[in-house]
Structures are given as C-alpha cells and as structure tokens.
Amino acid sequence: MFKPTRDQARQFLIDAWSKYRAGEPLSGLEQIAVGLIARHPEYHAMLENPACRVDRDFPPERGETNPFLHLSLHLAVAEQLAIDQPPGIKAQFERLRDSRRDEHAALHAVLECLGETLWQAQRTGTPLDAAVYLDCLSRQK
C-alpha cells in the first residue's frame, strides 16, 4: 500500500492542479483531486503560487485552516463513498445530502466526523473506530 509522506501528499495536490491548469492529461485520482480543488476557490491562489511551501504548518490556534488537510480529507471521503467503506457511510452521506439539499455541505459534515474520529484515534493511539465515525454521522442533521 502506498503511504505518501505529508509533503508528498501536498505536492500531489499542487501538481494535479498545475497539470489541470496546463491542460495536461490527469490520472483518475488526479481528476478526483481537481474536482475537489475546483469546489474550493479559496485555495486556488495558494496552489498556483510557485513559492507554495509543502512544509508549511497551519496552526489551528492561529485560526488557520490547513487546505492540504481539508482536501486530503475530501479525497479520503470520496474513496470511502465510492466503496461504501465503512459500510453504511454512503447511506449516511445520502441522508445528509438530502436533508441539507447541498452535496458539498453534506461532504463537509462527513469531513468533520472523519476529522474528529481521526483525532480521537491519534490521541488514544488506536485504529480509527468505524462505529464512532458512523455514530458521529448519525448525529449530524
């Protein structure tokens, strides 16, 4: 299994957006990434900046959102929805999309739960708990 470093994952997003803007062919994963980046115009200038540093930190205590983390979570959720893993996530997403009448808002609700579940797993040093993840989603309106 491919496990990119933080910097490699960030460079992948930068390169995919650059290839898209240059009209170059994209791999399947790059196409998904570009579709997600297109939904986030607030990140375009950063990704298009040749001085964009992949090693930059985005401390939340300074109120900064990490665009690379946000887009990477989007990619993870896209994969989870494509294969319904953990089982039931697709149904939860569809419920949220229908209730919110906004696919992107529903995706952000899923991202919030994934981020919270990942944070708990990191804090406790345990694997991601699918039941906790799905429970979080079930509480979203």
Protein backbone atom coordinates (compact mmCIF):
# COMPACT_ATOMS: atom_id res chain seq x y z
CA MET A 1 0.00 0.00 0.00
CA PHE A 2 1.25 3.45 -0.90
CA LYS A 3 1.71 5.69 2.14
CA PRO A 4 2.82 9.12 0.99
CA THR A 5 4.52 11.48 3.37
CA ARG A 6 2.77 14.71 4.28
CA ASP A 7 4.91 16.61 1.79
CA GLN A 8 4.28 14.06 -0.99
CA ALA A 9 0.52 14.24 -0.43
CA ARG A 10 0.65 18.01 -0.55
CA GLN A 11 2.80 18.00 -3.69
CA PHE A 12 0.32 15.64 -5.34
CA LEU A 13 -2.45 18.23 -4.90
CA ILE A 14 -0.25 21.06 -6.18
CA ASP A 15 0.87 19.01 -9.18
CA ALA A 16 -2.65 17.81 -10.05
CA TRP A 17 -3.95 21.39 -10.06
CA SER A 18 -0.96 22.55 -12.12
CA LYS A 19 -1.48 19.78 -14.68
CA TYR A 20 -5.18 20.62 -14.90
CA ARG A 21 -4.47 24.30 -15.49
CA ALA A 22 -1.90 23.41 -18.17
CA GLY A 23 -4.40 21.12 -19.94
CA GLU A 24 -2.27 18.04 -19.34
CA PRO A 25 -3.78 14.56 -19.00
CA LEU A 26 -4.75 13.56 -15.46
CA SER A 27 -4.83 10.20 -13.74
CA GLY A 28 -8.09 9.04 -12.18
CA LEU A 29 -7.04 10.18 -8.72
CA GLU A 30 -5.81 13.49 -10.09
CA GLN A 31 -9.21 14.01 -11.74
CA ILE A 32 -10.93 13.48 -8.40
CA ALA A 33 -8.49 15.83 -6.67
CA VAL A 34 -9.01 18.53 -9.31
CA GLY A 35 -12.77 18.24 -8.94
CA LEU A 36 -12.41 18.79 -5.20
CA ILE A 37 -9.98 21.67 -5.63
CA ALA A 38 -12.37 23.30 -8.11
CA ARG A 39 -15.00 23.34 -5.33
CA HIS A 40 -12.59 25.33 -3.15
CA PRO A 41 -11.64 28.52 -4.99
CA GLU A 42 -10.28 29.90 -1.73
CA TYR A 43 -7.32 27.51 -2.16
CA HIS A 44 -6.57 28.21 -5.82
CA ALA A 45 -4.16 31.11 -5.32
CA MET A 46 -2.14 29.14 -2.79
CA LEU A 47 -1.92 26.07 -5.02
CA GLU A 48 -0.98 28.22 -8.02
CA ASN A 49 1.79 30.03 -6.16
CA PRO A 50 5.17 28.60 -7.22
CA ALA A 51 6.54 29.52 -3.81
CA CYS A 52 3.87 27.38 -2.12
CA ARG A 53 5.76 25.52 0.55
CA VAL A 54 4.64 21.98 1.18
CA ASP A 55 6.32 22.02 4.59
CA ARG A 56 4.32 24.97 5.95
CA ASP A 57 2.35 24.43 9.14
CA PHE A 58 -1.18 25.75 9.59
CA PRO A 59 -1.62 26.07 13.37
CA PRO A 60 -5.29 25.90 14.32
CA GLU A 61 -4.59 28.01 17.41
CA ARG A 62 -3.93 30.88 14.98
CA GLY A 63 -7.28 30.24 13.33
CA GLU A 64 -5.69 28.80 10.21
CA THR A 65 -7.35 26.08 8.18
CA ASN A 66 -4.95 23.61 6.62
CA PRO A 67 -6.04 23.48 2.97
CA PHE A 68 -3.96 20.37 2.31
CA LEU A 69 -5.59 18.51 5.19
CA HIS A 70 -9.03 19.67 4.10
CA LEU A 71 -8.51 18.50 0.52
CA SER A 72 -6.92 15.23 1.67
CA LEU A 73 -9.92 14.52 3.89
CA HIS A 74 -12.14 15.20 0.87
CA LEU A 75 -10.13 12.64 -1.11
CA ALA A 76 -10.45 10.08 1.68
CA VAL A 77 -14.21 10.60 1.88
CA ALA A 78 -14.55 10.33 -1.92
CA GLU A 79 -12.84 6.93 -1.75
CA GLN A 80 -14.95 5.82 1.23
CA LEU A 81 -18.16 6.77 -0.58
CA ALA A 82 -17.07 5.03 -3.78
CA ILE A 83 -16.67 1.71 -1.94
CA ASP A 84 -19.12 2.29 0.94
CA GLN A 85 -16.37 1.75 3.50
CA PRO A 86 -17.04 1.72 6.35
CA PRO A 87 -20.30 0.02 5.42
CA GLY A 88 -23.15 2.47 5.82
CA ILE A 89 -21.21 5.66 5.11
CA LYS A 90 -22.81 6.05 1.69
CA ALA A 91 -26.31 5.86 3.17
CA GLN A 92 -25.37 8.39 5.87
CA PHE A 93 -23.94 10.73 3.25
CA GLU A 94 -27.06 10.42 1.08
CA ARG A 95 -29.24 11.16 4.11
CA LEU A 96 -27.20 14.28 4.87
CA ARG A 97 -27.20 15.38 1.23
CA ASP A 98 -30.98 15.00 1.06
CA SER A 99 -31.62 16.77 4.37
CA ARG A 100 -29.23 19.64 3.62
CA ARG A 101 -30.08 19.81 -0.08
CA ASP A 102 -26.43 20.58 -0.69
CA GLU A 103 -23.90 17.92 -1.61
CA HIS A 104 -20.87 19.98 -0.59
CA ALA A 105 -22.38 20.84 2.80
CA ALA A 106 -23.08 17.14 3.32
CA LEU A 107 -19.49 16.30 2.39
CA HIS A 108 -18.24 18.83 4.92
CA ALA A 109 -20.35 17.17 7.62
CA VAL A 110 -18.70 13.86 6.76
CA LEU A 111 -15.26 15.52 6.80
CA GLU A 112 -15.98 16.93 10.25
CA CYS A 113 -16.81 13.48 11.59
CA LEU A 114 -13.81 11.89 9.89
CA GLY A 115 -11.52 14.57 11.32
CA GLU A 116 -12.96 14.11 14.80
CA THR A 117 -12.63 10.32 14.59
CA LEU A 118 -9.05 10.55 13.31
CA TRP A 119 -8.17 12.98 16.09
CA GLN A 120 -9.57 10.58 18.70
CA ALA A 121 -7.64 7.66 17.20
CA GLN A 122 -4.40 9.65 17.20
CA ARG A 123 -4.97 10.88 20.73
CA THR A 124 -5.58 7.37 22.06
CA GLY A 125 -3.08 5.61 19.78
CA THR A 126 -5.76 3.27 18.46
CA PRO A 127 -7.01 2.49 14.96
CA LEU A 128 -9.85 4.53 13.53
CA ASP A 129 -13.10 3.26 15.03
CA ALA A 130 -15.68 2.88 12.27
CA ALA A 131 -18.52 2.65 14.81
CA VAL A 132 -17.53 6.00 16.35
CA TYR A 133 -17.28 7.52 12.86
CA LEU A 134 -20.72 6.26 11.81
CA ASP A 135 -22.22 7.30 15.14
CA CYS A 136 -20.93 10.83 14.60
CA LEU A 137 -22.51 10.84 11.15
CA SER A 138 -25.82 9.58 12.50
CA ARG A 139 -25.96 12.57 14.88
CA GLN A 140 -25.49 15.06 12.02
CA LYS A 141 -28.66 16.74 10.79
